[in-house]
């Protein structure tokens, strides 16, 4: 009985310890090397240099927070994008919602969602989805904001439903910085620690290959789920203790 009670308490403690980080997937945060931009391409005072991204989710939404190596209030002409592959049958290995020379190939298929954003003129963001033959959009995100500083952050919030995702689903993604020109490519890519392109319009593909790269994330239960598990385990421990006392 003592062993059972001890095991139950340990389980409860482990579950409670999970509460603080359960909404962040096991692979997050994701990091990228600093300064991995070709010398012939302007870095926007560092704002096109991606340092990392944190991804979290709750029961209904998923949030991407991108960190940049510069102050977007002083150089604000950069564009920032996210390419996503959820494994849907409607996906494409070539192109994206903004028709940039950026592609994504994942183990579960091509790109089926594209998030584009800008920080100039007050900023803005768009969500595009691939329907099997063309890109639909733009539609609004659930939330979009950015904060300027020595390092700047851009935060995107999307509903899981808008990406066709549910708890436990795994998707692949990459994030990109780019210039303001419609033909500009991935000046920096989150999943690639090396130089992405050597000219503004050079093509870039995110894929699970040496020298490029691709990130994955699994949608996890929100912390309240783990809290309920912890409370249940602690309640069971209390019940066992009371039963033992009565005997």
Protein backbone atom coordinates (compact mmCIF):
# COMPACT_ATOMS: atom_id res chain seq x y z
CA UNK A 1 0.00 0.00 0.00
CA UNK A 2 2.85 2.37 0.85
CA UNK A 3 4.42 1.76 -2.58
CA UNK A 4 1.11 2.43 -4.32
CA UNK A 5 0.55 5.65 -2.37
CA UNK A 6 4.10 6.82 -3.09
CA UNK A 7 3.72 6.09 -6.80
CA UNK A 8 0.45 8.00 -6.90
CA UNK A 9 1.97 11.04 -5.22
CA UNK A 10 4.95 10.96 -7.61
CA UNK A 11 2.56 10.81 -10.57
CA UNK A 12 0.65 13.78 -9.20
CA UNK A 13 3.87 15.75 -8.71
CA UNK A 14 5.01 14.99 -12.26
CA UNK A 15 1.67 16.06 -13.66
CA UNK A 16 1.72 19.31 -11.70
CA UNK A 17 5.28 19.97 -12.89
CA UNK A 18 4.04 19.61 -16.45
CA UNK A 19 1.52 22.43 -16.05
CA UNK A 20 4.09 25.19 -16.50
CA UNK A 21 5.23 24.09 -19.93
CA UNK A 22 2.70 21.67 -21.34
CA UNK A 23 1.34 24.16 -23.89
CA UNK A 24 4.75 24.48 -25.51
CA UNK A 25 5.69 21.67 -27.87
CA UNK A 26 8.77 19.56 -27.18
CA UNK A 27 10.74 21.14 -30.05
CA UNK A 28 10.01 24.78 -29.13
CA UNK A 29 11.71 27.22 -28.92
CA UNK A 30 13.51 26.99 -32.26
CA UNK A 31 16.78 28.85 -32.81
CA UNK A 32 18.65 30.17 -35.83
CA UNK A 33 22.25 31.31 -36.17
CA UNK A 34 22.94 35.04 -36.01
CA UNK A 35 24.50 36.73 -39.02
CA UNK A 36 23.67 34.00 -41.55
CA UNK A 37 22.86 36.46 -44.36
CA UNK A 38 24.95 36.78 -47.52
CA UNK A 39 27.16 39.87 -47.55
CA UNK A 40 25.66 41.10 -50.82
CA UNK A 41 22.18 41.40 -49.29
CA UNK A 42 21.06 44.22 -46.95
CA UNK A 43 20.10 43.01 -43.49
CA UNK A 44 17.81 45.93 -42.67
CA UNK A 45 19.94 46.87 -39.69
CA UNK A 46 19.65 43.28 -38.48
CA UNK A 47 15.88 43.11 -38.73
CA UNK A 48 16.07 40.50 -41.50
CA UNK A 49 18.32 38.34 -39.32
CA UNK A 50 16.09 35.73 -37.64
CA UNK A 51 17.28 34.60 -34.20
CA UNK A 52 14.52 32.20 -33.26
CA UNK A 53 10.85 31.41 -32.81
CA UNK A 54 8.71 30.13 -29.95
CA UNK A 55 5.54 28.16 -30.73
CA UNK A 56 2.80 27.52 -28.17
CA UNK A 57 -0.83 26.48 -28.29
CA UNK A 58 -3.96 26.19 -26.18
CA UNK A 59 -7.18 24.32 -26.90
CA UNK A 60 -8.20 26.66 -29.74
CA UNK A 61 -5.23 28.74 -30.91
CA UNK A 62 -1.58 28.43 -31.89
CA UNK A 63 0.90 31.28 -31.45
CA UNK A 64 4.18 31.87 -33.28
CA UNK A 65 6.59 34.45 -31.79
CA UNK A 66 9.46 35.37 -34.10
CA UNK A 67 12.61 37.09 -32.73
CA UNK A 68 14.71 39.35 -34.99
CA UNK A 69 18.24 40.66 -34.51
CA UNK A 70 17.44 44.36 -34.92
CA UNK A 71 15.05 47.21 -34.23
CA UNK A 72 12.08 47.22 -36.60
CA UNK A 73 11.18 50.77 -35.61
CA UNK A 74 14.30 52.13 -37.32
CA UNK A 75 14.35 49.83 -40.36
CA UNK A 76 10.78 48.78 -41.00
CA UNK A 77 10.63 47.71 -44.63
CA UNK A 78 11.09 43.99 -44.07
CA UNK A 79 8.50 41.30 -44.74
CA UNK A 80 8.19 38.18 -42.60
CA UNK A 81 6.50 34.95 -43.61
CA UNK A 82 5.70 31.45 -42.35
CA UNK A 83 5.24 28.41 -44.60
CA UNK A 84 3.27 25.49 -43.13
CA UNK A 85 2.67 21.87 -44.14
CA UNK A 86 -0.09 20.08 -42.22
CA UNK A 87 -0.23 16.95 -44.38
CA UNK A 88 -3.52 17.78 -46.08
CA UNK A 89 -4.20 16.34 -49.52
CA UNK A 90 -4.40 19.89 -50.87
CA UNK A 91 -0.77 21.02 -50.84
CA UNK A 92 1.85 22.18 -53.30
CA UNK A 93 5.63 21.72 -53.54
CA UNK A 94 6.06 24.93 -55.53
CA UNK A 95 4.97 28.46 -54.72
CA UNK A 96 3.11 30.11 -51.86
CA UNK A 97 0.37 32.61 -51.12
CA UNK A 98 2.54 35.61 -52.02
CA UNK A 99 4.10 34.02 -55.09
CA UNK A 100 7.59 34.53 -53.67
CA UNK A 101 10.42 32.27 -54.92
CA UNK A 102 10.11 30.19 -51.73
CA UNK A 103 9.05 26.54 -51.55
CA UNK A 104 8.57 23.93 -48.84
CA UNK A 105 8.70 20.14 -49.03
CA UNK A 106 8.01 18.15 -45.86
CA UNK A 107 7.78 14.43 -45.03
CA UNK A 108 3.98 14.79 -44.99
CA UNK A 109 3.60 16.85 -48.17
CA UNK A 110 4.08 20.32 -49.56
CA UNK A 111 2.97 23.71 -48.29
CA UNK A 112 -0.76 24.19 -47.65
CA UNK A 113 -0.78 27.37 -45.53
CA UNK A 114 1.14 30.63 -45.85
CA UNK A 115 1.33 33.55 -43.43
CA UNK A 116 2.66 36.85 -44.76
CA UNK A 117 3.27 39.99 -42.71
CA UNK A 118 4.86 43.44 -42.77
CA UNK A 119 5.82 45.95 -40.07
CA UNK A 120 5.78 49.24 -42.00
CA UNK A 121 2.78 51.61 -42.20
CA UNK A 122 1.33 50.21 -39.00
CA UNK A 123 1.93 46.61 -39.99
CA UNK A 124 -0.38 43.88 -41.18
CA UNK A 125 -0.70 40.15 -41.75
CA UNK A 126 -2.47 37.68 -44.03
CA UNK A 127 -3.31 33.98 -44.02
CA UNK A 128 -3.48 32.05 -47.30
CA UNK A 129 -4.54 28.42 -47.84
CA UNK A 130 -4.05 26.12 -50.82
CA UNK A 131 -7.21 24.50 -52.19
CA UNK A 132 -5.55 21.97 -54.48
CA UNK A 133 -5.30 24.20 -57.54
CA UNK A 134 -4.69 27.75 -56.27
CA UNK A 135 -4.19 29.84 -53.13
CA UNK A 136 -7.24 31.20 -51.29
CA UNK A 137 -6.98 34.43 -49.32
CA UNK A 138 -6.12 36.64 -47.80
CA UNK A 139 -7.96 36.04 -44.56
CA UNK A 140 -7.35 37.56 -41.14
CA UNK A 141 -5.30 36.03 -38.35
CA UNK A 142 -6.74 35.75 -34.86
CA UNK A 143 -4.04 38.15 -33.68
CA UNK A 144 -0.94 39.98 -34.91
CA UNK A 145 1.44 42.33 -33.06
CA UNK A 146 5.08 43.35 -32.93
CA UNK A 147 7.44 44.93 -30.42
CA UNK A 148 10.55 46.91 -31.36
CA UNK A 149 13.79 46.86 -29.40
CA UNK A 150 17.46 45.93 -29.65
CA UNK A 151 15.93 42.65 -30.68
CA UNK A 152 12.35 42.78 -31.98
CA UNK A 153 9.53 40.27 -31.80
CA UNK A 154 6.58 39.59 -34.08
CA UNK A 155 3.68 37.55 -32.71
CA UNK A 156 1.14 35.69 -34.85
CA UNK A 157 -1.92 33.95 -33.39
CA UNK A 158 -4.03 31.64 -35.56
CA UNK A 159 -6.93 29.41 -34.66
CA UNK A 160 -6.19 25.71 -34.91
CA UNK A 161 -9.34 25.40 -37.00
CA UNK A 162 -8.01 27.87 -39.58
CA UNK A 163 -5.07 25.50 -40.14
CA UNK A 164 -7.17 22.33 -39.99
CA UNK A 165 -5.29 21.20 -36.87
CA UNK A 166 -6.37 19.34 -33.73
CA UNK A 167 -4.66 18.31 -30.50
CA UNK A 168 -1.81 15.79 -31.12
CA UNK A 169 -1.47 16.73 -34.81
CA UNK A 170 2.07 17.24 -36.12
CA UNK A 171 2.90 19.86 -38.74
CA UNK A 172 6.07 21.14 -40.41
CA UNK A 173 6.97 24.78 -40.91
CA UNK A 174 9.66 27.34 -41.62
CA UNK A 175 9.80 31.11 -41.15
CA UNK A 176 11.42 33.59 -43.52
CA UNK A 177 12.53 37.21 -43.62
CA UNK A 178 12.46 39.03 -46.94
CA UNK A 179 12.55 42.44 -48.59
CA UNK A 180 9.60 44.52 -49.65
CA UNK A 181 9.81 43.57 -53.33
CA UNK A 182 7.31 41.05 -54.65
CA UNK A 183 10.09 38.90 -56.12
CA UNK A 184 12.32 38.89 -53.03
CA UNK A 185 13.13 35.49 -51.58
CA UNK A 186 14.14 34.10 -48.17
CA UNK A 187 16.90 36.43 -47.01
CA UNK A 188 17.03 34.34 -43.83
CA UNK A 189 15.26 31.08 -42.99
CA UNK A 190 14.56 29.96 -39.42
CA UNK A 191 15.39 26.29 -40.01
CA UNK A 192 18.64 26.91 -41.88
CA UNK A 193 21.75 27.89 -39.88
CA UNK A 194 23.54 28.73 -43.13
CA UNK A 195 23.09 31.45 -45.77
CA UNK A 196 19.74 30.92 -47.50
CA UNK A 197 20.23 32.86 -50.75
CA UNK A 198 22.99 34.91 -52.38
CA UNK A 199 20.77 37.23 -54.42
CA UNK A 200 17.43 38.88 -53.64
CA UNK A 201 15.44 36.75 -56.06
CA UNK A 202 17.28 33.48 -55.60
CA UNK A 203 14.96 30.49 -55.08
CA UNK A 204 14.82 28.83 -51.68
CA UNK A 205 13.28 25.53 -50.56
CA UNK A 206 12.74 24.38 -46.97
CA UNK A 207 13.11 20.61 -46.72
CA UNK A 208 14.47 17.91 -44.46
CA UNK A 209 17.91 17.81 -46.05
CA UNK A 210 21.43 18.64 -44.87
CA UNK A 211 22.18 22.30 -45.55
CA UNK A 212 18.57 23.48 -45.57
CA UNK A 213 16.19 22.42 -42.82
CA UNK A 214 12.62 22.24 -41.61
CA UNK A 215 10.97 22.42 -38.19
CA UNK A 216 8.17 20.28 -36.77
CA UNK A 217 5.67 20.93 -33.99
CA UNK A 218 3.08 18.73 -32.30
CA UNK A 219 -0.07 20.40 -31.00
CA UNK A 220 -0.20 19.55 -27.31
CA UNK A 221 -3.02 19.53 -24.74
CA UNK A 222 -3.39 22.82 -22.91
CA UNK A 223 -2.10 23.06 -19.32
CA UNK A 224 -5.58 22.71 -17.81
CA UNK A 225 -5.68 19.13 -19.09
CA UNK A 226 -2.54 18.32 -17.13
CA UNK A 227 -3.89 20.19 -14.12
CA UNK A 228 -7.00 17.98 -14.13
CA UNK A 229 -4.78 14.91 -14.35
CA UNK A 230 -2.74 16.14 -11.39
CA UNK A 231 -5.84 16.89 -9.32
CA UNK A 232 -7.27 13.46 -10.11
CA UNK A 233 -4.04 11.76 -9.08
CA UNK A 234 -3.85 13.76 -5.86
CA UNK A 235 -7.49 13.00 -5.14
CA UNK A 236 -6.81 9.29 -5.59
CA UNK A 237 -3.84 9.54 -3.24
CA UNK A 238 -6.05 11.21 -0.62
CA UNK A 239 -8.72 8.54 -1.01
CA UNK A 240 -6.19 5.75 -0.52
CA UNK A 241 -4.78 7.50 2.55
CA UNK A 242 -8.26 7.88 4.11
CA UNK A 243 -9.13 4.25 3.44
CA UNK A 244 -5.90 3.16 5.08
CA UNK A 245 -6.56 5.37 8.13
CA UNK A 246 -10.03 3.85 8.62
CA UNK A 247 -8.55 0.36 8.63
